[in-house]
């Protein structure tokens, strides 16, 4: 492991808004479950979670845009999260936090009805059939999300993968979920009626995909 990574891991642990529980701690009664607003943010606001947050561009960007909400980025890659956590420290954002843990543990990190929205930004589409259960919109993941989402809570999927976009639409249709919005190319000039945060916030990978002239898709849907 490079010295730079080790330095980032160590600095993460100095941030008040960064949580790194062990898997055992999460599975055996995580202290903040059901208490995020009261004990972590100390402010009762809707909680929005970004799964696979990477460098935290969306977690931080949305936190700045919407101070009336609390935002939590989740990823297992500590060196990536460092960038977002560092920005939160530098900009003194009180409504943004990060958790280094596995996404499949989401229903152990949060209590029932504790989350208002979930963002999934540019996840690995896991195209190979044998990897389908690793897709973040696979029914098994959606069942976990349902356990922690408030009634009528939204899930946002922003991706360059037309395959994952189509796959998710299929899952939505089969299960009679509700699509609030679906777009196959948000940067098309005729579709700029979408919220500014879909354009004004761009992840590291999104910028790479746009340079490759890939279409960026977006889905907003509900499980109820």
C-alpha atoms as a PDB file:
ATOM      1  CA  UNK A   1       0.000   0.000   0.000  1.00  0.00           C
ATOM      2  CA  UNK A   2       1.354   3.418  -0.991  1.00  0.00           C
ATOM      3  CA  UNK A   3       2.311   5.983   1.645  1.00  0.00           C
ATOM      4  CA  UNK A   4      -0.212   8.423   0.190  1.00  0.00           C
ATOM      5  CA  UNK A   5      -3.061   5.968   0.773  1.00  0.00           C
ATOM      6  CA  UNK A   6      -1.950   5.286   4.315  1.00  0.00           C
ATOM      7  CA  UNK A   7      -1.818   9.025   4.989  1.00  0.00           C
ATOM      8  CA  UNK A   8      -5.385   9.429   3.688  1.00  0.00           C
ATOM      9  CA  UNK A   9      -6.643   6.529   5.799  1.00  0.00           C
ATOM     10  CA  UNK A  10      -5.066   8.079   8.880  1.00  0.00           C
ATOM     11  CA  UNK A  11      -6.402  11.556   8.132  1.00  0.00           C
ATOM     12  CA  UNK A  12      -9.921  10.186   7.605  1.00  0.00           C
ATOM     13  CA  UNK A  13      -9.953   9.099  11.232  1.00  0.00           C
ATOM     14  CA  UNK A  14      -9.330  12.675  12.392  1.00  0.00           C
ATOM     15  CA  UNK A  15     -12.499  14.001  10.714  1.00  0.00           C
ATOM     16  CA  UNK A  16     -15.512  14.426  13.014  1.00  0.00           C
ATOM     17  CA  UNK A  17     -17.879  13.773  10.109  1.00  0.00           C
ATOM     18  CA  UNK A  18     -16.209  10.491   9.049  1.00  0.00           C
ATOM     19  CA  UNK A  19     -17.333   7.144  10.519  1.00  0.00           C
ATOM     20  CA  UNK A  20     -15.475   3.863   9.993  1.00  0.00           C
ATOM     21  CA  UNK A  21     -17.168   1.072  11.949  1.00  0.00           C
ATOM     22  CA  UNK A  22     -16.039  -2.539  11.735  1.00  0.00           C
ATOM     23  CA  UNK A  23     -18.346  -4.989  10.023  1.00  0.00           C
ATOM     24  CA  UNK A  24     -19.016  -6.578  13.411  1.00  0.00           C
ATOM     25  CA  UNK A  25     -19.996  -3.222  14.924  1.00  0.00           C
ATOM     26  CA  UNK A  26     -22.480  -2.639  12.119  1.00  0.00           C
ATOM     27  CA  UNK A  27     -24.006  -6.114  12.342  1.00  0.00           C
ATOM     28  CA  UNK A  28     -24.227  -6.200  16.137  1.00  0.00           C
ATOM     29  CA  UNK A  29     -26.113  -2.994  16.872  1.00  0.00           C
ATOM     30  CA  UNK A  30     -24.599   0.053  15.181  1.00  0.00           C
ATOM     31  CA  UNK A  31     -24.653   2.999  17.613  1.00  0.00           C
ATOM     32  CA  UNK A  32     -25.952   5.582  15.129  1.00  0.00           C
ATOM     33  CA  UNK A  33     -28.734   3.448  13.652  1.00  0.00           C
ATOM     34  CA  UNK A  34     -31.929   5.437  14.086  1.00  0.00           C
ATOM     35  CA  UNK A  35     -30.013   8.301  15.697  1.00  0.00           C
ATOM     36  CA  UNK A  36     -28.248  10.008  12.775  1.00  0.00           C
ATOM     37  CA  UNK A  37     -30.088  13.300  13.058  1.00  0.00           C
ATOM     38  CA  UNK A  38     -30.020  13.456  16.837  1.00  0.00           C
ATOM     39  CA  UNK A  39     -26.460  12.330  17.557  1.00  0.00           C
ATOM     40  CA  UNK A  40     -24.446  12.886  14.356  1.00  0.00           C
ATOM     41  CA  UNK A  41     -25.929  15.931  12.618  1.00  0.00           C
ATOM     42  CA  UNK A  42     -27.661  17.262  15.737  1.00  0.00           C
ATOM     43  CA  UNK A  43     -30.320  18.697  13.458  1.00  0.00           C
ATOM     44  CA  UNK A  44     -33.585  17.079  12.407  1.00  0.00           C
ATOM     45  CA  UNK A  45     -33.594  17.224   8.608  1.00  0.00           C
ATOM     46  CA  UNK A  46     -34.383  14.751   5.788  1.00  0.00           C
ATOM     47  CA  UNK A  47     -31.470  12.351   5.277  1.00  0.00           C
ATOM     48  CA  UNK A  48     -30.170  11.681   1.763  1.00  0.00           C
ATOM     49  CA  UNK A  49     -27.673   8.864   1.175  1.00  0.00           C
ATOM     50  CA  UNK A  50     -25.283   8.387  -1.756  1.00  0.00           C
ATOM     51  CA  UNK A  51     -24.254   4.772  -2.276  1.00  0.00           C
ATOM     52  CA  UNK A  52     -20.835   4.066  -3.773  1.00  0.00           C
ATOM     53  CA  UNK A  53     -20.054   7.747  -3.324  1.00  0.00           C
ATOM     54  CA  UNK A  54     -16.436   7.513  -4.509  1.00  0.00           C
ATOM     55  CA  UNK A  55     -14.821  10.917  -4.009  1.00  0.00           C
ATOM     56  CA  UNK A  56     -18.101  12.274  -2.700  1.00  0.00           C
ATOM     57  CA  UNK A  57     -18.779  14.814  -5.431  1.00  0.00           C
ATOM     58  CA  UNK A  58     -22.543  14.340  -5.224  1.00  0.00           C
ATOM     59  CA  UNK A  59     -22.668  14.043  -1.442  1.00  0.00           C
ATOM     60  CA  UNK A  60     -20.747  17.311  -1.049  1.00  0.00           C
ATOM     61  CA  UNK A  61     -22.363  19.087  -3.991  1.00  0.00           C
ATOM     62  CA  UNK A  62     -25.902  18.317  -2.868  1.00  0.00           C
ATOM     63  CA  UNK A  63     -24.983  19.241   0.695  1.00  0.00           C
ATOM     64  CA  UNK A  64     -23.963  22.703  -0.459  1.00  0.00           C
ATOM     65  CA  UNK A  65     -27.073  23.118  -2.617  1.00  0.00           C
ATOM     66  CA  UNK A  66     -29.528  21.920   0.017  1.00  0.00           C
ATOM     67  CA  UNK A  67     -28.520  23.005   3.544  1.00  0.00           C
ATOM     68  CA  UNK A  68     -32.033  22.053   4.690  1.00  0.00           C
ATOM     69  CA  UNK A  69     -31.158  18.355   4.219  1.00  0.00           C
ATOM     70  CA  UNK A  70     -28.504  16.063   5.702  1.00  0.00           C
ATOM     71  CA  UNK A  71     -26.287  14.018   3.373  1.00  0.00           C
ATOM     72  CA  UNK A  72     -24.291  10.830   3.953  1.00  0.00           C
ATOM     73  CA  UNK A  73     -21.897   9.255   1.458  1.00  0.00           C
ATOM     74  CA  UNK A  74     -21.163   5.531   1.749  1.00  0.00           C
ATOM     75  CA  UNK A  75     -18.252   3.703   0.140  1.00  0.00           C
ATOM     76  CA  UNK A  76     -15.762   1.008   1.123  1.00  0.00           C
ATOM     77  CA  UNK A  77     -12.837   2.777  -0.574  1.00  0.00           C
ATOM     78  CA  UNK A  78     -11.267   4.936   2.131  1.00  0.00           C
ATOM     79  CA  UNK A  79      -8.768   6.662  -0.148  1.00  0.00           C
ATOM     80  CA  UNK A  80     -11.592   7.830  -2.407  1.00  0.00           C
ATOM     81  CA  UNK A  81     -13.829   9.023   0.408  1.00  0.00           C
ATOM     82  CA  UNK A  82     -10.910  11.073   1.729  1.00  0.00           C
ATOM     83  CA  UNK A  83     -11.361  13.682  -0.997  1.00  0.00           C
ATOM     84  CA  UNK A  84     -14.981  14.344  -0.087  1.00  0.00           C
ATOM     85  CA  UNK A  85     -14.317  14.198   3.642  1.00  0.00           C
ATOM     86  CA  UNK A  86     -11.433  16.643   3.251  1.00  0.00           C
ATOM     87  CA  UNK A  87     -13.671  19.074   1.370  1.00  0.00           C
ATOM     88  CA  UNK A  88     -16.285  18.879   4.120  1.00  0.00           C
ATOM     89  CA  UNK A  89     -13.563  19.686   6.656  1.00  0.00           C
ATOM     90  CA  UNK A  90     -12.196  22.587   4.613  1.00  0.00           C
ATOM     91  CA  UNK A  91     -15.609  24.080   3.856  1.00  0.00           C
ATOM     92  CA  UNK A  92     -17.009  23.397   7.348  1.00  0.00           C
ATOM     93  CA  UNK A  93     -20.150  21.691   6.070  1.00  0.00           C
ATOM     94  CA  UNK A  94     -22.353  20.727   9.005  1.00  0.00           C
ATOM     95  CA  UNK A  95     -24.905  18.712   7.010  1.00  0.00           C
ATOM     96  CA  UNK A  96     -22.550  16.235   5.290  1.00  0.00           C
ATOM     97  CA  UNK A  97     -20.950  13.045   6.579  1.00  0.00           C
ATOM     98  CA  UNK A  98     -19.270   9.889   5.285  1.00  0.00           C
ATOM     99  CA  UNK A  99     -19.353   6.237   6.318  1.00  0.00           C
ATOM    100  CA  UNK A 100     -16.784   3.718   5.201  1.00  0.00           C
ATOM    101  CA  UNK A 101     -18.637   0.411   5.036  1.00  0.00           C
ATOM    102  CA  UNK A 102     -20.192  -2.082   2.611  1.00  0.00           C
ATOM    103  CA  UNK A 103     -23.326  -0.958   0.781  1.00  0.00           C
ATOM    104  CA  UNK A 104     -25.063  -4.280   1.452  1.00  0.00           C
ATOM    105  CA  UNK A 105     -25.104  -3.361   5.150  1.00  0.00           C
ATOM    106  CA  UNK A 106     -27.299  -0.295   4.592  1.00  0.00           C
ATOM    107  CA  UNK A 107     -30.209  -1.759   6.548  1.00  0.00           C
ATOM    108  CA  UNK A 108     -27.885  -2.224   9.534  1.00  0.00           C
ATOM    109  CA  UNK A 109     -26.528   1.331   9.325  1.00  0.00           C
ATOM    110  CA  UNK A 110     -29.948   3.003   9.161  1.00  0.00           C
ATOM    111  CA  UNK A 111     -33.264   2.335  10.867  1.00  0.00           C
ATOM    112  CA  UNK A 112     -36.627   1.806   9.223  1.00  0.00           C
ATOM    113  CA  UNK A 113     -37.913   4.994   7.560  1.00  0.00           C
ATOM    114  CA  UNK A 114     -34.744   6.911   8.446  1.00  0.00           C
ATOM    115  CA  UNK A 115     -33.776   7.870   4.871  1.00  0.00           C
ATOM    116  CA  UNK A 116     -35.705  10.185   2.540  1.00  0.00           C
ATOM    117  CA  UNK A 117     -33.714   9.650  -0.688  1.00  0.00           C
ATOM    118  CA  UNK A 118     -30.983   7.438  -2.118  1.00  0.00           C
ATOM    119  CA  UNK A 119     -28.548   8.434  -4.863  1.00  0.00           C
ATOM    120  CA  UNK A 120     -26.643   5.861  -6.927  1.00  0.00           C
ATOM    121  CA  UNK A 121     -24.104   7.606  -9.151  1.00  0.00           C
ATOM    122  CA  UNK A 122     -22.121   5.790 -11.838  1.00  0.00           C
ATOM    123  CA  UNK A 123     -21.964   2.354 -10.213  1.00  0.00           C
ATOM    124  CA  UNK A 124     -20.259  -0.606 -11.831  1.00  0.00           C
ATOM    125  CA  UNK A 125     -23.045  -2.006 -14.084  1.00  0.00           C
ATOM    126  CA  UNK A 126     -21.861  -5.580 -13.412  1.00  0.00           C
ATOM    127  CA  UNK A 127     -22.856  -6.636 -16.932  1.00  0.00           C
ATOM    128  CA  UNK A 128     -21.808 -10.289 -16.623  1.00  0.00           C
ATOM    129  CA  UNK A 129     -24.765 -12.481 -15.660  1.00  0.00           C
ATOM    130  CA  UNK A 130     -22.914 -14.158 -12.815  1.00  0.00           C
ATOM    131  CA  UNK A 131     -22.379 -10.710 -11.278  1.00  0.00           C
ATOM    132  CA  UNK A 132     -26.022  -9.614 -11.501  1.00  0.00           C
ATOM    133  CA  UNK A 133     -26.602  -9.729  -7.725  1.00  0.00           C
ATOM    134  CA  UNK A 134     -23.890  -7.091  -7.369  1.00  0.00           C
ATOM    135  CA  UNK A 135     -25.859  -4.543  -9.405  1.00  0.00           C
ATOM    136  CA  UNK A 136     -26.975  -1.816  -7.027  1.00  0.00           C
ATOM    137  CA  UNK A 137     -30.490  -1.914  -8.481  1.00  0.00           C
ATOM    138  CA  UNK A 138     -30.825  -5.703  -8.226  1.00  0.00           C
ATOM    139  CA  UNK A 139     -34.057  -6.680  -6.381  1.00  0.00           C
ATOM    140  CA  UNK A 140     -32.080  -7.857  -3.346  1.00  0.00           C
ATOM    141  CA  UNK A 141     -30.518  -4.397  -2.975  1.00  0.00           C
ATOM    142  CA  UNK A 142     -33.864  -2.713  -3.585  1.00  0.00           C
ATOM    143  CA  UNK A 143     -35.362  -4.783  -0.773  1.00  0.00           C
ATOM    144  CA  UNK A 144     -32.679  -3.453   1.569  1.00  0.00           C
ATOM    145  CA  UNK A 145     -33.346   0.106   0.439  1.00  0.00           C
ATOM    146  CA  UNK A 146     -37.064  -0.340   1.080  1.00  0.00           C
ATOM    147  CA  UNK A 147     -36.333  -1.234   4.690  1.00  0.00           C
ATOM    148  CA  UNK A 148     -34.733   2.147   5.406  1.00  0.00           C
ATOM    149  CA  UNK A 149     -36.534   4.495   2.995  1.00  0.00           C
ATOM    150  CA  UNK A 150     -39.465   6.577   4.135  1.00  0.00           C
ATOM    151  CA  UNK A 151     -42.801   5.959   2.454  1.00  0.00           C
ATOM    152  CA  UNK A 152     -42.685   7.470  -1.041  1.00  0.00           C
ATOM    153  CA  UNK A 153     -38.919   8.042  -0.742  1.00  0.00           C
ATOM    154  CA  UNK A 154     -37.042   8.455  -4.020  1.00  0.00           C
ATOM    155  CA  UNK A 155     -34.137   6.548  -5.540  1.00  0.00           C
ATOM    156  CA  UNK A 156     -31.988   8.368  -8.122  1.00  0.00           C
ATOM    157  CA  UNK A 157     -29.806   6.469 -10.604  1.00  0.00           C
ATOM    158  CA  UNK A 158     -27.355   8.450 -12.735  1.00  0.00           C
ATOM    159  CA  UNK A 159     -25.165   6.334 -15.012  1.00  0.00           C
ATOM    160  CA  UNK A 160     -23.364   6.140 -18.331  1.00  0.00           C
ATOM    161  CA  UNK A 161     -24.482   2.507 -18.681  1.00  0.00           C
ATOM    162  CA  UNK A 162     -27.495   2.235 -20.971  1.00  0.00           C
ATOM    163  CA  UNK A 163     -27.512  -1.439 -20.015  1.00  0.00           C
ATOM    164  CA  UNK A 164     -27.960  -0.685 -16.303  1.00  0.00           C
ATOM    165  CA  UNK A 165     -30.519   2.019 -17.108  1.00  0.00           C
ATOM    166  CA  UNK A 166     -32.570  -0.455 -19.157  1.00  0.00           C
ATOM    167  CA  UNK A 167     -32.119  -3.255 -16.629  1.00  0.00           C
ATOM    168  CA  UNK A 168     -33.395  -1.020 -13.848  1.00  0.00           C
ATOM    169  CA  UNK A 169     -36.402   0.089 -15.891  1.00  0.00           C
ATOM    170  CA  UNK A 170     -37.212  -3.593 -16.386  1.00  0.00           C
ATOM    171  CA  UNK A 171     -37.015  -4.266 -12.643  1.00  0.00           C
ATOM    172  CA  UNK A 172     -39.280  -1.276 -12.015  1.00  0.00           C
ATOM    173  CA  UNK A 173     -41.860  -2.484 -14.530  1.00  0.00           C
ATOM    174  CA  UNK A 174     -41.923  -6.089 -13.317  1.00  0.00           C
ATOM    175  CA  UNK A 175     -42.430  -4.992  -9.713  1.00  0.00           C
ATOM    176  CA  UNK A 176     -44.927  -2.216 -10.466  1.00  0.00           C
ATOM    177  CA  UNK A 177     -42.688   0.458  -8.972  1.00  0.00           C
ATOM    178  CA  UNK A 178     -43.329   4.076  -9.852  1.00  0.00           C
ATOM    179  CA  UNK A 179     -41.105   6.007 -12.277  1.00  0.00           C
ATOM    180  CA  UNK A 180     -41.032   9.720 -11.511  1.00  0.00           C
ATOM    181  CA  UNK A 181     -38.635  10.516 -14.365  1.00  0.00           C
ATOM    182  CA  UNK A 182     -36.562   8.637 -16.931  1.00  0.00           C
ATOM    183  CA  UNK A 183     -34.143  10.120 -19.444  1.00  0.00           C
ATOM    184  CA  UNK A 184     -31.661   8.362 -21.742  1.00  0.00           C
ATOM    185  CA  UNK A 185     -29.507  11.422 -22.467  1.00  0.00           C
ATOM    186  CA  UNK A 186     -29.686  14.252 -19.952  1.00  0.00           C
ATOM    187  CA  UNK A 187     -27.132  16.407 -21.774  1.00  0.00           C
ATOM    188  CA  UNK A 188     -29.189  16.472 -24.953  1.00  0.00           C
ATOM    189  CA  UNK A 189     -30.049  20.117 -25.610  1.00  0.00           C
ATOM    190  CA  UNK A 190     -33.787  19.373 -25.727  1.00  0.00           C
ATOM    191  CA  UNK A 191     -33.857  17.843 -22.240  1.00  0.00           C
ATOM    192  CA  UNK A 192     -32.479  20.682 -20.149  1.00  0.00           C
ATOM    193  CA  UNK A 193     -35.683  21.026 -18.165  1.00  0.00           C
ATOM    194  CA  UNK A 194     -34.134  18.784 -15.501  1.00  0.00           C
ATOM    195  CA  UNK A 195     -32.947  20.100 -12.106  1.00  0.00           C
ATOM    196  CA  UNK A 196     -29.649  21.994 -12.145  1.00  0.00           C
ATOM    197  CA  UNK A 197     -27.981  19.506  -9.804  1.00  0.00           C
ATOM    198  CA  UNK A 198     -27.973  16.917 -12.586  1.00  0.00           C
ATOM    199  CA  UNK A 199     -25.627  19.138 -14.593  1.00  0.00           C
ATOM    200  CA  UNK A 200     -23.899  21.374 -12.079  1.00  0.00           C
ATOM    201  CA  UNK A 201     -22.544  18.429 -10.064  1.00  0.00           C
ATOM    202  CA  UNK A 202     -20.301  16.065 -12.021  1.00  0.00           C
ATOM    203  CA  UNK A 203     -18.337  13.135 -10.663  1.00  0.00           C
ATOM    204  CA  UNK A 204     -14.790  12.295 -11.716  1.00  0.00           C
ATOM    205  CA  UNK A 205     -16.067   9.421 -13.854  1.00  0.00           C
ATOM    206  CA  UNK A 206     -18.877  11.456 -15.354  1.00  0.00           C
ATOM    207  CA  UNK A 207     -16.363  13.961 -16.704  1.00  0.00           C
ATOM    208  CA  UNK A 208     -14.375  11.125 -18.261  1.00  0.00           C
ATOM    209  CA  UNK A 209     -17.501   9.652 -19.862  1.00  0.00           C
ATOM    210  CA  UNK A 210     -18.562  13.011 -21.253  1.00  0.00           C
ATOM    211  CA  UNK A 211     -15.122  13.441 -22.823  1.00  0.00           C
ATOM    212  CA  UNK A 212     -15.714  10.065 -24.477  1.00  0.00           C
ATOM    213  CA  UNK A 213     -19.076  11.375 -25.765  1.00  0.00           C
ATOM    214  CA  UNK A 214     -21.043   8.807 -23.812  1.00  0.00           C
ATOM    215  CA  UNK A 215     -24.688   9.458 -23.033  1.00  0.00           C
ATOM    216  CA  UNK A 216     -25.530  10.027 -19.385  1.00  0.00           C
ATOM    217  CA  UNK A 217     -28.837   8.536 -18.256  1.00  0.00           C
ATOM    218  CA  UNK A 218     -31.008   9.343 -15.247  1.00  0.00           C
ATOM    219  CA  UNK A 219     -33.807   7.558 -13.401  1.00  0.00           C
ATOM    220  CA  UNK A 220     -35.880   8.724 -10.459  1.00  0.00           C
ATOM    221  CA  UNK A 221     -38.264   6.179  -9.003  1.00  0.00           C
ATOM    222  CA  UNK A 222     -40.126   4.967  -5.924  1.00  0.00           C
ATOM    223  CA  UNK A 223     -40.536   1.483  -4.480  1.00  0.00           C
ATOM    224  CA  UNK A 224     -44.036   2.101  -3.080  1.00  0.00           C
END
